[in-house]
Amino acid sequence: MIPLSTRMRPSSLDDFQGQEHFLYPGSLLYNAIKNKTFDSAIFYGPSGTGKTTLARLIAREMDADFYEINASTSGTKELKEIIDRCRTRFFGLQQKTSYVYVDEFHRWNKLQQDSLLQWLEEGVIRFIGSTTENPYFAVNNAVISRVRSLYEFHRHEKHHIVAILKRAMEDEERGLGRRKLSWDMEALEMIADRCNGDARMALDTLGFIADNLPPEGRIDLKMVGEATQSQTTFYDKSEDKYNLLSALQKSIRGSDPDAALHYLARLIAADADIQMIGRRLVVMASEDVGMAYPMAVSIVTSCVQAALMVGFPEAQINLAQAVITLASSPKSNAVITGISEAMSDVKTKRISDVPAHLKDAHYAGAAKQGRGLDYKYPHAYGGFVEQQYLPDELYRQGVQYYHPTENGKEGAFKKYLEYIWKKKR
């Protein structure tokens, strides 16, 4: 039986989901495909993000011969046979270029990759290579220099996966529409959460569930839990995740690492994804710890990036390190209160222009406009010199946004600022 992920590959460019950072109506890539001016490219990114699908759609739109091979199972012998056919087409009556798509291109060695160079230069072929590796490390520079563009594919967002799954449920020709199955939207969302941005995995999970349902059956959370071998304890009440995130942040803010680890464990058990947890932790590093321990944001960001790299179950270790770091750090909310007050003033007060001595003076005529005059370069005064930086109204009001605490490292920053400004404020 053909897998659901294969059956549901988009048949047109407009059905393609995701990668809006480079593919959308009116984008250069979209126009190049529609105008049939697409040349060669390398697609790189995680599995299940649409690299092969887009390559096939391009070939269809370009109305060209399309040859597809996988570098893990094919070598230069198969490539030579394809090149021979491409040469016949290019130098014969048709005089048309063919497209050669090599999946997992990084698996070829240098000599195998270099076997493409002559035919790329002569225009006999247009090449599309896909790889899960960074091409700047996995692909020869000689190949990269002859390929017009490199496109990085990102993991699908949750809404992309849900849209793909919903289309599969409704499509009567290629999908599950004829089965007349019903479904809970929460079940599709749960599949989307658990596939880690991989559309192929999501569709094949849905196909597995559907294949084992009676006619006109219903897909619910319990079935998704069975299919993915994960509990659904919290998933049927979506607000629970946000309650757990709230409890996690408040436990960290309260410097209770034990409670924080407990709520982290419950979030992981509830199948909250790494990005959801990671985003909240990175925000906390600045919102609740801030200048009391400025390194916290670097440590937490590194932990979240490591978690994304290794994935679950090992990611729980990295996330736990971030949580313990934040919970055990001195706390200050001076960063968030400072920027909040500054944003409020910008939105609600009439504020004059930037003081003339602070304006850019690196162009002819700036001095005649009075820009940059009388600016005192702090480094010429030993690192600090007192002068006006705020706009006039705020300066006259003695506005202060940053109110440093005595906590942790922030106490040292407070003392330094008070020293250089001589407690002017």
Protein backbone atom coordinates (compact mmCIF):
# COMPACT_ATOMS: atom_id res chain seq x y z
CA MET A 1 0.00 0.00 0.00
CA ILE A 2 1.29 3.45 -0.91
CA PRO A 3 1.94 5.49 2.27
CA LEU A 4 -0.38 8.42 2.91
CA SER A 5 2.59 10.81 2.90
CA THR A 6 3.42 9.75 -0.67
CA ARG A 7 -0.17 9.95 -1.87
CA MET A 8 -0.63 13.42 -0.40
CA ARG A 9 2.37 15.11 -1.98
CA PRO A 10 1.14 18.47 -3.38
CA SER A 11 0.31 18.37 -7.08
CA SER A 12 0.76 22.11 -7.64
CA LEU A 13 3.01 24.84 -6.34
CA ASP A 14 0.09 26.66 -4.73
CA ASP A 15 -0.70 23.58 -2.59
CA PHE A 16 2.80 23.55 -1.12
CA GLN A 17 2.80 24.23 2.62
CA GLY A 18 5.49 26.04 4.58
CA GLN A 19 8.85 27.68 3.79
CA GLU A 20 7.20 31.09 3.37
CA HIS A 21 10.54 32.72 4.11
CA PHE A 22 11.55 32.03 0.50
CA LEU A 23 8.47 30.64 -1.29
CA TYR A 24 5.26 32.65 -1.57
CA PRO A 25 3.33 34.18 -4.49
CA GLY A 26 5.50 36.98 -5.82
CA SER A 27 8.75 35.77 -4.25
CA LEU A 28 11.81 35.48 -6.49
CA LEU A 29 11.78 31.69 -6.31
CA TYR A 30 8.03 31.49 -7.00
CA ASN A 31 8.37 33.82 -10.00
CA ALA A 32 11.43 31.95 -11.29
CA ILE A 33 9.44 28.72 -11.29
CA LYS A 34 6.33 30.23 -12.84
CA ASN A 35 8.38 32.13 -15.45
CA LYS A 36 10.37 28.96 -16.20
CA THR A 37 13.68 30.69 -15.44
CA PHE A 38 14.60 28.49 -12.48
CA ASP A 39 18.20 27.37 -12.75
CA SER A 40 19.97 25.14 -10.20
CA ALA A 41 19.73 25.00 -6.43
CA ILE A 42 20.60 23.12 -3.28
CA PHE A 43 17.85 22.49 -0.74
CA TYR A 44 18.95 21.75 2.81
CA GLY A 45 17.12 21.21 6.05
CA PRO A 46 15.49 18.53 8.25
CA SER A 47 13.62 15.55 6.85
CA GLY A 48 9.94 15.91 6.04
CA THR A 49 10.06 19.62 5.25
CA GLY A 50 9.31 19.41 1.52
CA LYS A 51 12.67 19.31 -0.25
CA THR A 52 11.85 16.41 -2.57
CA THR A 53 8.28 17.60 -3.05
CA LEU A 54 9.38 21.05 -4.15
CA ALA A 55 11.99 19.60 -6.53
CA ARG A 56 9.28 17.51 -8.24
CA LEU A 57 6.91 20.47 -8.42
CA ILE A 58 9.63 22.57 -10.03
CA ALA A 59 10.23 19.90 -12.69
CA ARG A 60 6.50 19.75 -13.38
CA GLU A 61 6.20 23.53 -13.68
CA MET A 62 9.28 23.74 -15.89
CA ASP A 63 7.86 21.08 -18.23
CA ALA A 64 11.28 19.44 -18.42
CA ASP A 65 12.69 15.94 -18.25
CA PHE A 66 13.28 15.12 -14.61
CA TYR A 67 15.62 12.47 -13.25
CA GLU A 68 15.69 11.61 -9.57
CA ILE A 69 18.29 9.50 -7.79
CA ASN A 70 19.25 8.97 -4.17
CA ALA A 71 22.93 9.35 -3.35
CA SER A 72 22.73 6.67 -0.65
CA THR A 73 21.84 3.98 -3.22
CA SER A 74 23.22 5.38 -6.50
CA GLY A 75 26.67 6.37 -7.67
CA THR A 76 28.48 7.75 -10.69
CA LYS A 77 27.44 4.80 -12.88
CA GLU A 78 23.75 5.70 -12.59
CA LEU A 79 24.58 9.39 -12.95
CA LYS A 80 26.55 8.72 -16.15
CA GLU A 81 23.59 6.93 -17.69
CA ILE A 82 21.36 9.88 -16.89
CA ILE A 83 23.89 12.37 -18.22
CA ASP A 84 24.08 10.45 -21.51
CA ARG A 85 20.32 10.80 -21.94
CA CYS A 86 20.48 14.47 -21.01
CA ARG A 87 23.27 15.09 -23.56
CA THR A 88 21.22 13.45 -26.30
CA ARG A 89 18.28 15.70 -25.48
CA PHE A 90 20.43 18.84 -25.16
CA PHE A 91 22.55 18.40 -28.30
CA GLY A 92 19.80 16.77 -30.38
CA LEU A 93 16.76 18.20 -32.08
CA GLN A 94 15.04 19.24 -28.85
CA GLN A 95 18.00 21.23 -27.49
CA LYS A 96 16.45 21.28 -24.02
CA THR A 97 18.03 21.12 -20.61
CA SER A 98 17.02 18.35 -18.20
CA TYR A 99 16.71 18.50 -14.43
CA VAL A 100 18.67 16.09 -12.26
CA TYR A 101 17.62 15.79 -8.63
CA VAL A 102 20.02 14.07 -6.24
CA ASP A 103 18.54 13.37 -2.82
CA GLU A 104 20.93 13.10 0.15
CA PHE A 105 23.61 14.68 -2.01
CA HIS A 106 26.00 14.97 0.94
CA ARG A 107 26.50 11.18 0.85
CA TRP A 108 28.51 11.43 -2.37
CA ASN A 109 32.26 11.88 -2.02
CA LYS A 110 34.23 14.68 -3.66
CA LEU A 111 34.88 12.83 -6.92
CA GLN A 112 31.23 11.86 -7.28
CA GLN A 113 30.08 15.42 -6.62
CA ASP A 114 32.64 16.82 -9.05
CA SER A 115 31.31 14.57 -11.83
CA LEU A 116 28.48 17.10 -12.23
CA LEU A 117 30.68 20.12 -12.88
CA GLN A 118 31.25 19.83 -16.64
CA TRP A 119 27.58 19.29 -17.41
CA LEU A 120 26.51 22.13 -15.17
CA GLU A 121 28.92 24.50 -16.91
CA GLU A 122 27.77 23.44 -20.39
CA GLY A 123 24.11 23.76 -19.46
CA VAL A 124 23.34 20.13 -20.27
CA ILE A 125 21.64 19.75 -16.89
CA ARG A 126 20.06 21.85 -14.21
CA PHE A 127 20.85 20.41 -10.82
CA ILE A 128 18.82 20.25 -7.62
CA GLY A 129 20.53 18.66 -4.66
CA SER A 130 18.92 18.06 -1.28
CA THR A 131 20.70 17.39 1.98
CA THR A 132 20.02 17.36 5.69
CA GLU A 133 23.55 18.67 6.26
CA ASN A 134 24.87 22.20 6.01
CA PRO A 135 26.00 22.42 2.35
CA TYR A 136 28.91 24.68 3.22
CA PHE A 137 30.42 21.71 5.04
CA ALA A 138 28.94 18.77 3.12
CA VAL A 139 29.08 19.97 -0.50
CA ASN A 140 32.18 20.78 -2.52
CA ASN A 141 32.85 24.48 -3.05
CA ALA A 142 33.17 23.86 -6.79
CA VAL A 143 29.57 22.64 -6.90
CA ILE A 144 28.28 25.45 -4.68
CA SER A 145 29.93 28.06 -6.91
CA ARG A 146 28.04 26.72 -9.93
CA VAL A 147 24.67 26.57 -8.22
CA ARG A 148 22.71 29.79 -8.22
CA SER A 149 20.90 29.45 -4.91
CA LEU A 150 20.90 27.63 -1.60
CA TYR A 151 17.57 27.37 0.19
CA GLU A 152 17.31 26.43 3.85
CA PHE A 153 14.14 24.52 4.73
CA HIS A 154 12.78 24.98 8.24
CA ARG A 155 10.74 22.51 10.24
CA HIS A 156 7.04 22.98 9.58
CA GLU A 157 5.10 25.12 12.00
CA LYS A 158 2.25 23.44 13.80
CA HIS A 159 -0.42 25.19 11.70
CA HIS A 160 1.22 23.92 8.52
CA ILE A 161 1.07 20.33 9.75
CA VAL A 162 -2.55 20.69 10.89
CA ALA A 163 -3.51 22.07 7.46
CA ILE A 164 -1.73 19.16 5.74
CA LEU A 165 -3.48 16.60 7.96
CA LYS A 166 -6.89 18.22 7.50
CA ARG A 167 -6.44 18.17 3.73
CA ALA A 168 -5.53 14.47 3.92
CA MET A 169 -8.69 13.74 5.90
CA GLU A 170 -10.88 15.56 3.36
CA ASP A 171 -9.22 14.62 0.05
CA GLU A 172 -11.33 11.92 -1.62
CA GLU A 173 -8.93 11.17 -4.49
CA ARG A 174 -5.60 10.75 -2.74
CA GLY A 175 -6.41 11.03 0.94
CA LEU A 176 -8.89 9.52 3.38
CA GLY A 177 -12.01 11.40 2.27
CA ARG A 178 -13.75 8.34 0.85
CA ARG A 179 -13.44 6.56 4.19
CA LYS A 180 -15.94 9.02 5.73
CA LEU A 181 -13.90 9.14 8.91
CA SER A 182 -14.57 11.78 11.53
CA TRP A 183 -11.96 13.34 13.76
CA ASP A 184 -11.36 15.58 16.73
CA MET A 185 -9.34 18.66 15.83
CA GLU A 186 -7.39 18.16 19.07
CA ALA A 187 -6.26 14.80 17.71
CA LEU A 188 -4.81 16.38 14.56
CA GLU A 189 -3.16 19.07 16.67
CA MET A 190 -1.65 16.39 18.89
CA ILE A 191 -0.15 14.63 15.86
CA ALA A 192 1.21 17.97 14.68
CA ASP A 193 2.79 18.60 18.09
CA ARG A 194 4.47 15.22 18.19
CA CYS A 195 5.91 15.05 14.68
CA ASN A 196 8.61 17.67 15.38
CA GLY A 197 7.84 19.63 12.21
CA ASP A 198 8.10 16.54 9.97
CA ALA A 199 5.11 16.40 7.59
CA ARG A 200 5.99 12.88 6.41
CA MET A 201 5.94 11.55 9.96
CA ALA A 202 2.66 13.31 10.70
CA LEU A 203 0.91 11.94 7.60
CA ASP A 204 2.17 8.41 8.10
CA THR A 205 1.03 8.51 11.74
CA LEU A 206 -2.41 9.62 10.56
CA GLY A 207 -2.39 6.89 7.90
CA PHE A 208 -1.49 4.24 10.47
CA ILE A 209 -4.40 5.26 12.69
CA ALA A 210 -6.86 5.42 9.78
CA ASP A 211 -5.81 2.02 8.41
CA ASN A 212 -6.72 0.44 11.72
CA LEU A 213 -10.12 2.06 12.18
CA PRO A 214 -13.47 0.56 11.23
CA PRO A 215 -15.48 2.25 8.42
CA GLU A 216 -16.74 5.67 9.45
CA GLY A 217 -14.66 5.52 12.65
CA ARG A 218 -13.45 8.53 14.61
CA ILE A 219 -9.88 9.67 15.30
CA ASP A 220 -9.53 10.95 18.84
CA LEU A 221 -6.81 11.81 21.34
CA LYS A 222 -6.70 8.32 22.83
CA MET A 223 -5.89 6.78 19.44
CA VAL A 224 -3.14 9.32 18.78
CA GLY A 225 -1.70 8.50 22.20
CA GLU A 226 -1.67 4.81 21.32
CA ALA A 227 -0.13 5.43 17.91
CA THR A 228 2.64 7.61 19.32
CA GLN A 229 2.99 5.62 22.54
CA SER A 230 2.63 8.75 24.65
CA GLN A 231 0.21 9.69 27.35
CA THR A 232 -2.54 12.22 26.70
CA THR A 233 -3.11 13.16 30.34
CA PHE A 234 -3.02 16.91 29.87
CA TYR A 235 -3.68 17.22 26.18
CA ASP A 236 -7.46 17.11 26.29
CA LYS A 237 -7.45 20.40 28.20
CA SER A 238 -5.27 22.80 26.23
CA GLU A 239 -5.22 25.39 28.99
CA ASP A 240 -3.25 22.96 31.17
CA LYS A 241 -0.07 23.60 29.19
CA TYR A 242 -0.34 27.32 29.84
CA ASN A 243 -1.11 26.71 33.51
CA LEU A 244 2.00 24.55 33.72
CA LEU A 245 4.09 27.18 31.93
CA SER A 246 2.76 29.78 34.36
CA ALA A 247 3.58 27.57 37.35
CA LEU A 248 7.06 26.93 35.92
CA GLN A 249 7.79 30.64 35.56
CA LYS A 250 6.45 31.52 38.99
CA SER A 251 8.47 28.74 40.61
CA ILE A 252 11.62 29.99 38.86
CA ARG A 253 10.81 33.56 39.86
CA GLY A 254 10.38 32.30 43.43
CA SER A 255 13.82 30.60 43.31
CA ASP A 256 12.42 27.12 43.93
CA PRO A 257 14.36 24.77 41.61
CA ASP A 258 12.52 21.68 42.91
CA ALA A 259 9.08 23.02 42.02
CA ALA A 260 10.43 24.33 38.72
CA LEU A 261 11.77 20.88 37.79
CA HIS A 262 8.44 19.34 38.75
CA TYR A 263 6.51 21.57 36.37
CA LEU A 264 9.11 21.06 33.65
CA ALA A 265 8.63 17.30 34.00
CA ARG A 266 4.85 17.69 33.75
CA LEU A 267 5.21 19.85 30.64
CA ILE A 268 7.41 17.23 29.01
CA ALA A 269 4.97 14.49 29.99
CA ALA A 270 2.16 16.61 28.56
CA ASP A 271 4.10 16.68 25.27
CA ALA A 272 4.84 20.40 25.27
CA ASP A 273 7.43 20.83 22.52
CA ILE A 274 10.96 22.11 23.04
CA GLN A 275 10.27 25.42 21.33
CA MET A 276 7.26 26.16 23.53
CA ILE A 277 9.26 25.53 26.71
CA GLY A 278 12.43 27.10 25.33
CA ARG A 279 10.79 30.36 24.31
CA ARG A 280 9.42 30.83 27.82
CA LEU A 281 12.78 30.04 29.43
CA VAL A 282 14.69 32.49 27.24
CA VAL A 283 12.17 35.24 28.07
CA MET A 284 12.49 34.46 31.79
CA ALA A 285 16.25 34.81 31.56
CA SER A 286 15.80 38.51 30.81
CA GLU A 287 12.45 39.16 32.49
CA ASP A 288 13.05 37.57 35.89
CA VAL A 289 16.85 37.29 36.19
CA GLY A 290 18.06 40.05 33.91
CA MET A 291 21.04 42.06 35.08
CA ALA A 292 21.22 40.23 38.40
CA TYR A 293 23.00 37.50 36.43
CA PRO A 294 23.52 38.72 32.83
CA MET A 295 25.05 35.41 31.72
CA ALA A 296 21.77 33.62 32.36
CA VAL A 297 20.36 34.48 28.94
CA SER A 298 23.47 33.09 27.21
CA ILE A 299 23.42 29.89 29.24
CA VAL A 300 19.68 29.35 28.76
CA THR A 301 19.86 30.09 25.02
CA SER A 302 22.67 27.56 24.67
CA CYS A 303 20.67 24.96 26.62
CA VAL A 304 17.59 25.48 24.43
CA GLN A 305 19.67 25.26 21.25
CA ALA A 306 21.27 22.05 22.52
CA ALA A 307 17.81 20.66 23.33
CA LEU A 308 16.62 21.41 19.81
CA MET A 309 19.74 19.74 18.41
CA VAL A 310 19.45 16.47 20.32
CA GLY A 311 15.65 16.23 20.63
CA PHE A 312 13.73 14.25 23.23
CA PRO A 313 14.33 12.30 25.38
CA GLU A 314 17.86 13.70 25.91
CA ALA A 315 16.60 17.28 25.50
CA GLN A 316 15.05 17.08 28.97
CA ILE A 317 18.56 17.23 30.43
CA ASN A 318 19.40 20.48 28.64
CA LEU A 319 16.06 22.02 29.58
CA ALA A 320 16.54 20.95 33.20
CA GLN A 321 19.93 22.69 33.28
CA ALA A 322 18.31 25.88 32.00
CA VAL A 323 15.55 25.65 34.61
CA ILE A 324 17.96 25.05 37.49
CA THR A 325 20.18 27.92 36.32
CA LEU A 326 17.25 30.34 36.29
CA ALA A 327 15.72 29.16 39.56
CA SER A 328 19.08 29.32 41.35
CA SER A 329 20.06 32.76 40.04
CA PRO A 330 19.51 36.09 41.83
CA LYS A 331 16.45 37.87 40.47
CA SER A 332 15.75 41.31 39.02
CA ASN A 333 12.87 42.57 36.89
CA ALA A 334 14.60 45.90 36.19
CA VAL A 335 15.04 45.00 32.50
CA ILE A 336 11.35 44.45 31.77
CA THR A 337 10.17 47.38 33.87
CA GLY A 338 12.73 49.64 32.19
CA ILE A 339 11.77 48.81 28.62
CA SER A 340 8.06 48.85 29.51
CA GLU A 341 8.30 52.39 30.90
CA ALA A 342 10.35 53.55 27.91
CA MET A 343 7.85 52.04 25.44
CA SER A 344 4.99 53.68 27.31
CA ASP A 345 6.61 57.12 27.04
CA VAL A 346 7.33 56.66 23.34
CA LYS A 347 3.67 55.78 22.72
CA THR A 348 2.00 58.37 24.95
CA LYS A 349 4.24 61.44 25.26
CA ARG A 350 5.12 64.21 22.84
CA ILE A 351 8.87 63.88 22.64
CA SER A 352 11.24 66.17 20.76
CA ASP A 353 13.89 65.13 18.25
CA VAL A 354 17.21 63.49 19.03
CA PRO A 355 19.56 66.13 20.52
CA ALA A 356 21.63 67.73 17.77
CA HIS A 357 24.98 66.70 19.25
CA LEU A 358 23.92 63.01 19.10
CA LYS A 359 22.82 63.02 15.47
CA ASP A 360 24.83 61.34 12.75
CA ALA A 361 27.61 63.61 11.51
CA HIS A 362 29.36 61.25 9.08
CA TYR A 363 28.39 63.01 5.87
CA ALA A 364 29.17 66.24 4.06
CA GLY A 365 27.10 69.16 5.26
CA ALA A 366 26.29 67.70 8.67
CA ALA A 367 28.28 70.39 10.48
CA LYS A 368 26.40 73.16 8.64
CA GLN A 369 23.19 71.67 9.98
CA GLY A 370 24.58 71.69 13.50
CA ARG A 371 24.67 67.94 13.73
CA GLY A 372 27.25 66.26 15.89
CA LEU A 373 28.69 69.54 17.15
CA ASP A 374 29.69 69.67 20.81
CA TYR A 375 29.47 65.88 21.15
CA LYS A 376 31.92 64.65 23.77
CA TYR A 377 33.54 61.33 22.90
CA PRO A 378 33.54 59.41 26.22
CA HIS A 379 36.67 57.42 25.40
CA ALA A 380 38.59 60.70 25.15
CA TYR A 381 37.65 61.38 28.76
CA GLY A 382 38.71 58.06 30.21
CA GLY A 383 35.52 56.17 29.36
CA PHE A 384 32.84 58.54 30.69
CA VAL A 385 31.88 62.19 30.41
CA GLU A 386 28.64 63.73 31.60
CA GLN A 387 26.42 65.12 28.84
CA GLN A 388 22.76 65.08 27.79
CA TYR A 389 21.56 61.95 26.00
CA LEU A 390 17.78 62.02 26.46
CA PRO A 391 15.52 64.26 24.36
CA ASP A 392 14.96 67.69 25.97
CA GLU A 393 11.59 67.04 27.65
CA LEU A 394 12.64 63.77 29.21
CA TYR A 395 15.99 65.21 30.26
CA ARG A 396 14.33 68.14 32.03
CA GLN A 397 11.97 65.71 33.77
CA GLY A 398 14.91 63.65 35.00
CA VAL A 399 13.36 60.50 33.57
CA GLN A 400 14.87 57.24 34.76
CA TYR A 401 13.77 53.92 33.30
CA TYR A 402 16.40 51.57 34.63
CA HIS A 403 16.21 51.09 38.39
CA PRO A 404 18.94 48.60 39.26
CA THR A 405 18.56 46.38 42.28
CA GLU A 406 21.22 45.26 44.73
CA ASN A 407 20.72 41.62 43.71
CA GLY A 408 23.57 39.55 42.32
CA LYS A 409 25.73 41.13 39.65
CA GLU A 410 23.27 43.99 39.27
CA GLY A 411 24.49 45.48 42.52
CA ALA A 412 27.89 46.05 40.90
CA PHE A 413 26.29 47.71 37.86
CA LYS A 414 24.25 49.93 40.18
CA LYS A 415 27.33 51.03 42.09
CA TYR A 416 29.18 51.77 38.87
CA LEU A 417 26.36 53.88 37.44
CA GLU A 418 25.95 55.77 40.70
CA TYR A 419 29.68 56.39 40.83
CA ILE A 420 30.07 57.80 37.34
CA TRP A 421 26.90 59.90 37.52
CA LYS A 422 27.64 60.94 41.13
CA LYS A 423 24.12 60.04 42.18
CA LYS A 424 22.90 62.85 39.92
CA ARG A 425 19.51 61.19 39.66
